[in-house]
Amino acid sequence: MENNLPIKGFIETSFIDWKGQLASVMFSGGCNFRCPYCHNSNLVLNHDKMEDIPFEYIISTLRKFKTWVERAVITGGEPTIHMSLFHTIGQIKKEGIRIKLDTNGSSPSVLKGLVKDGLIDYIAMDIKGPIDRYRRWCGIKVDTKKIEESIQFIMEGDVDYEFRMTVVPFLHREEDVYETVEYVKNAKRFYVQEFKPKNTLNPHFAEVKPFSPQKMERIRENVNQLLATSSQQSASNK
């Protein structure tokens, strides 16, 4: 099976990567961002030194578990930097598997192509923070027009989706979360994720303590309230 996505990690069954669903998980190598707090640093920086997991093995495993695992998550790294993504997902879809794609939203043209070809069933896009300061979160200069294009496409499309944001003390203020929510206030779902201080791309971030569980709970409650208020206002304007 030629021209497949470079898959560097594979979890046969997971309950946490597709909310409410049992799924297999594939990790692609390589990323076009350099988020200092990323906890998949090997996939970003050292993917060329990691062995590819044979695609034949992945397909055979999916077939073996097909009776109770009908979903697969493709994550990374950033899968959309590889044009082989189309071929790989196509092969998996032939097995009757539903696909969730994790992405940073930097390639709206790839997202549109995947949707047009009927290759993905769910999109999870990481929004790093307020768009006007995106470089702060990503470690590189980012074409924010592409980020905005992806967000708009996802929100206006027919494919189910979620947005999510990892909150990192020192890098993010609490207000950054609410500003980001305001930007996607009509989104179906917006999840706030806790920062994991391990295997970080910038080693110094491994020393950063996450916000307390109490503070994270308060932030999530505020986010849910903002989304609910926006939903009510949208409904009343119709």
C-alpha atoms as a PDB file:
ATOM      1  CA  MET A   1       0.000   0.000   0.000  1.00  0.00           C
ATOM      2  CA  GLU A   2       1.945   2.957  -1.304  1.00  0.00           C
ATOM      3  CA  ASN A   3       1.622   6.708  -0.756  1.00  0.00           C
ATOM      4  CA  ASN A   4       0.108   6.487   2.697  1.00  0.00           C
ATOM      5  CA  LEU A   5       0.262   8.927   5.568  1.00  0.00           C
ATOM      6  CA  PRO A   6       3.408   8.495   7.710  1.00  0.00           C
ATOM      7  CA  ILE A   7       1.791   6.986  10.808  1.00  0.00           C
ATOM      8  CA  LYS A   8       4.117   7.054  13.806  1.00  0.00           C
ATOM      9  CA  GLY A   9       1.728   5.948  16.528  1.00  0.00           C
ATOM     10  CA  PHE A  10      -1.353   3.761  16.721  1.00  0.00           C
ATOM     11  CA  ILE A  11      -3.795   3.087  19.554  1.00  0.00           C
ATOM     12  CA  GLU A  12      -6.088   0.163  18.838  1.00  0.00           C
ATOM     13  CA  THR A  13      -8.931   1.311  21.081  1.00  0.00           C
ATOM     14  CA  SER A  14      -9.552   4.600  22.890  1.00  0.00           C
ATOM     15  CA  PHE A  15     -12.548   6.087  24.699  1.00  0.00           C
ATOM     16  CA  ILE A  16     -11.062   9.594  25.012  1.00  0.00           C
ATOM     17  CA  ASP A  17     -10.160  10.679  21.477  1.00  0.00           C
ATOM     18  CA  TRP A  18     -13.698  10.794  20.048  1.00  0.00           C
ATOM     19  CA  LYS A  19     -16.004  12.029  22.764  1.00  0.00           C
ATOM     20  CA  GLY A  20     -18.579   9.411  23.649  1.00  0.00           C
ATOM     21  CA  GLN A  21     -17.273   6.901  21.106  1.00  0.00           C
ATOM     22  CA  LEU A  22     -14.837   3.986  20.971  1.00  0.00           C
ATOM     23  CA  ALA A  23     -12.235   4.602  18.275  1.00  0.00           C
ATOM     24  CA  SER A  24      -8.815   3.604  17.004  1.00  0.00           C
ATOM     25  CA  VAL A  25      -6.269   6.438  16.850  1.00  0.00           C
ATOM     26  CA  MET A  26      -3.501   7.127  14.318  1.00  0.00           C
ATOM     27  CA  PHE A  27      -0.759   9.700  14.879  1.00  0.00           C
ATOM     28  CA  SER A  28       0.842  11.272  11.814  1.00  0.00           C
ATOM     29  CA  GLY A  29       4.379  12.640  11.915  1.00  0.00           C
ATOM     30  CA  GLY A  30       5.330  16.248  11.265  1.00  0.00           C
ATOM     31  CA  CYS A  31       3.704  19.605  11.989  1.00  0.00           C
ATOM     32  CA  ASN A  32       3.869  23.099  10.527  1.00  0.00           C
ATOM     33  CA  PHE A  33       3.396  24.758  13.930  1.00  0.00           C
ATOM     34  CA  ARG A  34       5.855  24.986  16.815  1.00  0.00           C
ATOM     35  CA  CYS A  35       3.554  25.513  19.783  1.00  0.00           C
ATOM     36  CA  PRO A  36       5.929  25.623  22.771  1.00  0.00           C
ATOM     37  CA  TYR A  37       3.499  23.761  25.045  1.00  0.00           C
ATOM     38  CA  CYS A  38       2.816  20.892  22.600  1.00  0.00           C
ATOM     39  CA  HIS A  39       3.097  17.550  24.408  1.00  0.00           C
ATOM     40  CA  ASN A  40       3.651  15.548  21.210  1.00  0.00           C
ATOM     41  CA  SER A  41       7.109  17.012  20.686  1.00  0.00           C
ATOM     42  CA  ASN A  42       8.590  13.852  19.157  1.00  0.00           C
ATOM     43  CA  LEU A  43       5.922  13.820  16.452  1.00  0.00           C
ATOM     44  CA  VAL A  44       6.789  17.435  15.645  1.00  0.00           C
ATOM     45  CA  LEU A  45      10.576  17.487  15.944  1.00  0.00           C
ATOM     46  CA  ASN A  46      11.784  13.894  15.621  1.00  0.00           C
ATOM     47  CA  HIS A  47       9.230  12.226  13.362  1.00  0.00           C
ATOM     48  CA  ASP A  48      11.851  11.490  10.691  1.00  0.00           C
ATOM     49  CA  LYS A  49      13.683   9.288  13.202  1.00  0.00           C
ATOM     50  CA  MET A  50      10.540   7.386  14.177  1.00  0.00           C
ATOM     51  CA  GLU A  51       9.587   4.231  12.313  1.00  0.00           C
ATOM     52  CA  ASP A  52       6.391   4.200  10.268  1.00  0.00           C
ATOM     53  CA  ILE A  53       3.779   1.754  11.473  1.00  0.00           C
ATOM     54  CA  PRO A  54       2.961  -0.481   8.475  1.00  0.00           C
ATOM     55  CA  PHE A  55      -0.396   0.477   7.025  1.00  0.00           C
ATOM     56  CA  GLU A  56      -1.132  -3.188   6.377  1.00  0.00           C
ATOM     57  CA  TYR A  57      -0.976  -3.791  10.135  1.00  0.00           C
ATOM     58  CA  ILE A  58      -3.360  -0.892  10.823  1.00  0.00           C
ATOM     59  CA  ILE A  59      -5.884  -2.112   8.264  1.00  0.00           C
ATOM     60  CA  SER A  60      -5.734  -5.690   9.572  1.00  0.00           C
ATOM     61  CA  THR A  61      -6.247  -4.432  13.133  1.00  0.00           C
ATOM     62  CA  LEU A  62      -9.223  -2.298  12.100  1.00  0.00           C
ATOM     63  CA  ARG A  63     -10.743  -5.358  10.442  1.00  0.00           C
ATOM     64  CA  LYS A  64     -10.111  -7.467  13.535  1.00  0.00           C
ATOM     65  CA  PHE A  65     -11.873  -4.987  15.812  1.00  0.00           C
ATOM     66  CA  LYS A  66     -14.556  -3.972  13.305  1.00  0.00           C
ATOM     67  CA  THR A  67     -17.358  -5.634  15.285  1.00  0.00           C
ATOM     68  CA  TRP A  68     -17.104  -3.017  18.056  1.00  0.00           C
ATOM     69  CA  VAL A  69     -14.764  -0.308  16.708  1.00  0.00           C
ATOM     70  CA  GLU A  70     -16.329   1.540  13.777  1.00  0.00           C
ATOM     71  CA  ARG A  71     -14.472   4.814  14.132  1.00  0.00           C
ATOM     72  CA  ALA A  72     -10.906   6.059  13.708  1.00  0.00           C
ATOM     73  CA  VAL A  73      -9.224   9.313  14.699  1.00  0.00           C
ATOM     74  CA  ILE A  74      -6.405  10.766  12.613  1.00  0.00           C
ATOM     75  CA  THR A  75      -4.333  13.165  14.652  1.00  0.00           C
ATOM     76  CA  GLY A  76      -0.709  14.267  14.890  1.00  0.00           C
ATOM     77  CA  GLY A  77       1.390  16.274  14.428  1.00  0.00           C
ATOM     78  CA  GLU A  78      -0.710  17.932  11.785  1.00  0.00           C
ATOM     79  CA  PRO A  79      -2.217  15.464   9.301  1.00  0.00           C
ATOM     80  CA  THR A  80      -3.183  18.058   6.669  1.00  0.00           C
ATOM     81  CA  ILE A  81       0.435  18.838   5.746  1.00  0.00           C
ATOM     82  CA  HIS A  82       0.506  15.470   3.947  1.00  0.00           C
ATOM     83  CA  MET A  83      -1.344  15.125   0.641  1.00  0.00           C
ATOM     84  CA  SER A  84      -1.179  11.353   1.192  1.00  0.00           C
ATOM     85  CA  LEU A  85      -3.907  11.967   3.778  1.00  0.00           C
ATOM     86  CA  PHE A  86      -6.542  11.656   1.027  1.00  0.00           C
ATOM     87  CA  HIS A  87      -5.333   8.212  -0.062  1.00  0.00           C
ATOM     88  CA  THR A  88      -4.972   6.926   3.484  1.00  0.00           C
ATOM     89  CA  ILE A  89      -8.427   8.019   4.587  1.00  0.00           C
ATOM     90  CA  GLY A  90      -9.872   6.643   1.363  1.00  0.00           C
ATOM     91  CA  GLN A  91      -8.432   3.210   2.166  1.00  0.00           C
ATOM     92  CA  ILE A  92      -9.812   3.322   5.701  1.00  0.00           C
ATOM     93  CA  LYS A  93     -13.255   4.481   4.553  1.00  0.00           C
ATOM     94  CA  LYS A  94     -13.432   1.443   2.261  1.00  0.00           C
ATOM     95  CA  GLU A  95     -13.482  -0.625   5.452  1.00  0.00           C
ATOM     96  CA  GLY A  96     -16.678   1.121   6.543  1.00  0.00           C
ATOM     97  CA  ILE A  97     -14.879   3.154   9.224  1.00  0.00           C
ATOM     98  CA  ARG A  98     -16.025   6.653  10.187  1.00  0.00           C
ATOM     99  CA  ILE A  99     -13.222   9.242  10.411  1.00  0.00           C
ATOM    100  CA  LYS A 100     -12.538  12.070  12.846  1.00  0.00           C
ATOM    101  CA  LEU A 101      -9.774  14.483  11.847  1.00  0.00           C
ATOM    102  CA  ASP A 102      -7.805  16.538  14.374  1.00  0.00           C
ATOM    103  CA  THR A 103      -6.337  19.663  12.791  1.00  0.00           C
ATOM    104  CA  ASN A 104      -4.866  23.071  13.558  1.00  0.00           C
ATOM    105  CA  GLY A 105      -6.890  24.571  10.696  1.00  0.00           C
ATOM    106  CA  SER A 106      -3.898  25.862   8.754  1.00  0.00           C
ATOM    107  CA  SER A 107      -4.945  24.154   5.498  1.00  0.00           C
ATOM    108  CA  PRO A 108      -8.539  25.104   4.666  1.00  0.00           C
ATOM    109  CA  SER A 109      -8.094  23.869   1.097  1.00  0.00           C
ATOM    110  CA  VAL A 110      -7.286  20.368   2.365  1.00  0.00           C
ATOM    111  CA  LEU A 111     -10.270  20.455   4.739  1.00  0.00           C
ATOM    112  CA  LYS A 112     -12.564  21.497   1.900  1.00  0.00           C
ATOM    113  CA  GLY A 113     -11.181  18.757  -0.336  1.00  0.00           C
ATOM    114  CA  LEU A 114     -11.654  16.067   2.299  1.00  0.00           C
ATOM    115  CA  VAL A 115     -15.234  17.176   2.931  1.00  0.00           C
ATOM    116  CA  LYS A 116     -15.998  17.450  -0.782  1.00  0.00           C
ATOM    117  CA  ASP A 117     -14.751  13.883  -1.282  1.00  0.00           C
ATOM    118  CA  GLY A 118     -16.849  12.610   1.646  1.00  0.00           C
ATOM    119  CA  LEU A 119     -13.781  11.434   3.531  1.00  0.00           C
ATOM    120  CA  ILE A 120     -14.364  12.822   7.015  1.00  0.00           C
ATOM    121  CA  ASP A 121     -17.286  12.523   9.414  1.00  0.00           C
ATOM    122  CA  TYR A 122     -16.127  14.770  12.254  1.00  0.00           C
ATOM    123  CA  ILE A 123     -13.631  17.648  12.537  1.00  0.00           C
ATOM    124  CA  ALA A 124     -11.878  18.702  15.738  1.00  0.00           C
ATOM    125  CA  MET A 125     -10.000  21.962  15.263  1.00  0.00           C
ATOM    126  CA  ASP A 126      -7.608  23.397  17.805  1.00  0.00           C
ATOM    127  CA  ILE A 127      -7.942  27.138  18.155  1.00  0.00           C
ATOM    128  CA  LYS A 128      -4.811  28.318  19.886  1.00  0.00           C
ATOM    129  CA  GLY A 129      -6.110  31.667  21.143  1.00  0.00           C
ATOM    130  CA  PRO A 130      -7.305  35.054  19.914  1.00  0.00           C
ATOM    131  CA  ILE A 131      -6.594  35.300  16.182  1.00  0.00           C
ATOM    132  CA  ASP A 132      -4.895  38.701  16.292  1.00  0.00           C
ATOM    133  CA  ARG A 133      -2.054  37.306  18.434  1.00  0.00           C
ATOM    134  CA  TYR A 134      -1.797  33.864  16.885  1.00  0.00           C
ATOM    135  CA  ARG A 135       1.976  33.825  16.547  1.00  0.00           C
ATOM    136  CA  ARG A 136       2.273  33.940  20.334  1.00  0.00           C
ATOM    137  CA  TRP A 137       0.552  30.584  20.651  1.00  0.00           C
ATOM    138  CA  CYS A 138       2.042  28.822  17.613  1.00  0.00           C
ATOM    139  CA  GLY A 139       5.737  29.664  17.828  1.00  0.00           C
ATOM    140  CA  ILE A 140       5.869  30.719  14.154  1.00  0.00           C
ATOM    141  CA  LYS A 141       4.301  33.297  11.879  1.00  0.00           C
ATOM    142  CA  VAL A 142       0.877  31.995  10.827  1.00  0.00           C
ATOM    143  CA  ASP A 143      -1.377  33.010   7.951  1.00  0.00           C
ATOM    144  CA  THR A 144      -4.356  33.831  10.171  1.00  0.00           C
ATOM    145  CA  LYS A 145      -6.623  34.324   7.145  1.00  0.00           C
ATOM    146  CA  LYS A 146      -6.355  30.563   6.596  1.00  0.00           C
ATOM    147  CA  ILE A 147      -7.221  29.925  10.241  1.00  0.00           C
ATOM    148  CA  GLU A 148     -10.274  32.158   9.898  1.00  0.00           C
ATOM    149  CA  GLU A 149     -11.225  30.476   6.627  1.00  0.00           C
ATOM    150  CA  SER A 150     -11.100  27.055   8.250  1.00  0.00           C
ATOM    151  CA  ILE A 151     -13.210  28.195  11.198  1.00  0.00           C
ATOM    152  CA  GLN A 152     -15.833  29.718   8.914  1.00  0.00           C
ATOM    153  CA  PHE A 153     -15.899  26.655   6.658  1.00  0.00           C
ATOM    154  CA  ILE A 154     -16.307  24.275   9.590  1.00  0.00           C
ATOM    155  CA  MET A 155     -19.059  26.323  11.233  1.00  0.00           C
ATOM    156  CA  GLU A 156     -21.021  26.745   8.003  1.00  0.00           C
ATOM    157  CA  GLY A 157     -20.538  23.169   6.779  1.00  0.00           C
ATOM    158  CA  ASP A 158     -22.527  19.963   7.142  1.00  0.00           C
ATOM    159  CA  VAL A 159     -19.802  17.900   8.855  1.00  0.00           C
ATOM    160  CA  ASP A 160     -20.131  17.600  12.633  1.00  0.00           C
ATOM    161  CA  TYR A 161     -17.365  19.353  14.562  1.00  0.00           C
ATOM    162  CA  GLU A 162     -15.875  20.762  17.715  1.00  0.00           C
ATOM    163  CA  PHE A 163     -13.419  23.509  18.541  1.00  0.00           C
ATOM    164  CA  ARG A 164     -11.047  23.179  21.447  1.00  0.00           C
ATOM    165  CA  MET A 165      -8.452  25.323  23.173  1.00  0.00           C
ATOM    166  CA  THR A 166      -5.622  24.281  25.462  1.00  0.00           C
ATOM    167  CA  VAL A 167      -5.127  26.824  28.233  1.00  0.00           C
ATOM    168  CA  VAL A 168      -1.535  27.359  29.317  1.00  0.00           C
ATOM    169  CA  PRO A 169      -0.665  29.536  32.340  1.00  0.00           C
ATOM    170  CA  PHE A 170       1.947  32.178  31.486  1.00  0.00           C
ATOM    171  CA  LEU A 171       1.023  31.942  27.797  1.00  0.00           C
ATOM    172  CA  HIS A 172      -2.732  32.497  28.136  1.00  0.00           C
ATOM    173  CA  ARG A 173      -4.743  34.804  30.317  1.00  0.00           C
ATOM    174  CA  GLU A 174      -8.207  33.714  31.364  1.00  0.00           C
ATOM    175  CA  GLU A 175      -9.594  36.562  29.235  1.00  0.00           C
ATOM    176  CA  ASP A 176      -7.951  35.004  26.150  1.00  0.00           C
ATOM    177  CA  VAL A 177     -10.306  32.041  26.487  1.00  0.00           C
ATOM    178  CA  TYR A 178     -13.412  34.225  26.559  1.00  0.00           C
ATOM    179  CA  GLU A 179     -12.140  36.336  23.667  1.00  0.00           C
ATOM    180  CA  THR A 180     -11.667  33.156  21.626  1.00  0.00           C
ATOM    181  CA  VAL A 181     -15.139  31.915  22.527  1.00  0.00           C
ATOM    182  CA  GLU A 182     -16.610  35.240  21.436  1.00  0.00           C
ATOM    183  CA  TYR A 183     -15.009  34.765  18.016  1.00  0.00           C
ATOM    184  CA  VAL A 184     -16.765  31.388  17.548  1.00  0.00           C
ATOM    185  CA  LYS A 185     -19.782  32.173  19.715  1.00  0.00           C
ATOM    186  CA  ASN A 186     -22.226  30.317  17.452  1.00  0.00           C
ATOM    187  CA  ALA A 187     -20.154  27.128  17.431  1.00  0.00           C
ATOM    188  CA  LYS A 188     -21.807  23.790  18.225  1.00  0.00           C
ATOM    189  CA  ARG A 189     -19.103  22.851  20.698  1.00  0.00           C
ATOM    190  CA  PHE A 190     -16.106  24.526  22.315  1.00  0.00           C
ATOM    191  CA  TYR A 191     -14.008  22.527  24.760  1.00  0.00           C
ATOM    192  CA  VAL A 192     -11.396  23.968  27.093  1.00  0.00           C
ATOM    193  CA  GLN A 193      -8.488  21.571  27.589  1.00  0.00           C
ATOM    194  CA  GLU A 194      -6.051  21.477  30.457  1.00  0.00           C
ATOM    195  CA  PHE A 195      -2.379  21.922  29.654  1.00  0.00           C
ATOM    196  CA  LYS A 196      -0.214  18.818  30.187  1.00  0.00           C
ATOM    197  CA  PRO A 197       3.314  19.753  31.336  1.00  0.00           C
ATOM    198  CA  LYS A 198       5.171  16.768  29.922  1.00  0.00           C
ATOM    199  CA  ASN A 199       7.243  16.103  26.785  1.00  0.00           C
ATOM    200  CA  THR A 200       6.728  19.740  25.819  1.00  0.00           C
ATOM    201  CA  LEU A 201       8.271  21.061  22.651  1.00  0.00           C
ATOM    202  CA  ASN A 202       9.900  23.840  24.658  1.00  0.00           C
ATOM    203  CA  PRO A 203      11.396  22.041  27.687  1.00  0.00           C
ATOM    204  CA  HIS A 204      10.791  25.077  29.914  1.00  0.00           C
ATOM    205  CA  PHE A 205       7.049  24.560  29.604  1.00  0.00           C
ATOM    206  CA  ALA A 206       7.370  21.230  31.396  1.00  0.00           C
ATOM    207  CA  GLU A 207       7.912  23.337  34.518  1.00  0.00           C
ATOM    208  CA  VAL A 208       4.709  25.347  34.084  1.00  0.00           C
ATOM    209  CA  LYS A 209       1.978  24.297  36.515  1.00  0.00           C
ATOM    210  CA  PRO A 210      -1.492  23.938  34.962  1.00  0.00           C
ATOM    211  CA  PHE A 211      -4.355  26.004  36.316  1.00  0.00           C
ATOM    212  CA  SER A 212      -5.975  24.417  39.357  1.00  0.00           C
ATOM    213  CA  PRO A 213      -8.949  22.075  38.796  1.00  0.00           C
ATOM    214  CA  GLN A 214     -11.161  24.671  40.484  1.00  0.00           C
ATOM    215  CA  LYS A 215     -10.056  27.423  38.103  1.00  0.00           C
ATOM    216  CA  MET A 216     -10.452  25.166  35.064  1.00  0.00           C
ATOM    217  CA  GLU A 217     -13.970  24.246  36.203  1.00  0.00           C
ATOM    218  CA  ARG A 218     -14.856  27.927  36.595  1.00  0.00           C
ATOM    219  CA  ILE A 219     -13.477  28.735  33.147  1.00  0.00           C
ATOM    220  CA  ARG A 220     -15.488  25.885  31.596  1.00  0.00           C
ATOM    221  CA  GLU A 221     -18.656  27.038  33.357  1.00  0.00           C
ATOM    222  CA  ASN A 222     -18.125  30.573  32.053  1.00  0.00           C
ATOM    223  CA  VAL A 223     -17.477  29.263  28.526  1.00  0.00           C
ATOM    224  CA  ASN A 224     -20.668  27.194  28.605  1.00  0.00           C
ATOM    225  CA  GLN A 225     -22.615  30.219  29.814  1.00  0.00           C
ATOM    226  CA  LEU A 226     -21.219  32.385  27.006  1.00  0.00           C
ATOM    227  CA  LEU A 227     -22.135  29.771  24.406  1.00  0.00           C
ATOM    228  CA  ALA A 228     -25.622  29.295  25.863  1.00  0.00           C
ATOM    229  CA  THR A 229     -26.270  33.042  25.895  1.00  0.00           C
ATOM    230  CA  SER A 230     -25.100  33.345  22.313  1.00  0.00           C
ATOM    231  CA  SER A 231     -27.330  30.446  21.278  1.00  0.00           C
ATOM    232  CA  GLN A 232     -30.362  32.053  22.921  1.00  0.00           C
ATOM    233  CA  GLN A 233     -29.662  35.399  21.265  1.00  0.00           C
ATOM    234  CA  SER A 234     -29.237  33.708  17.890  1.00  0.00           C
ATOM    235  CA  ALA A 235     -32.538  31.866  18.302  1.00  0.00           C
ATOM    236  CA  SER A 236     -34.412  35.042  19.297  1.00  0.00           C
ATOM    237  CA  ASN A 237     -33.101  36.873  16.217  1.00  0.00           C
ATOM    238  CA  LYS A 238     -34.557  34.291  13.822  1.00  0.00           C
END
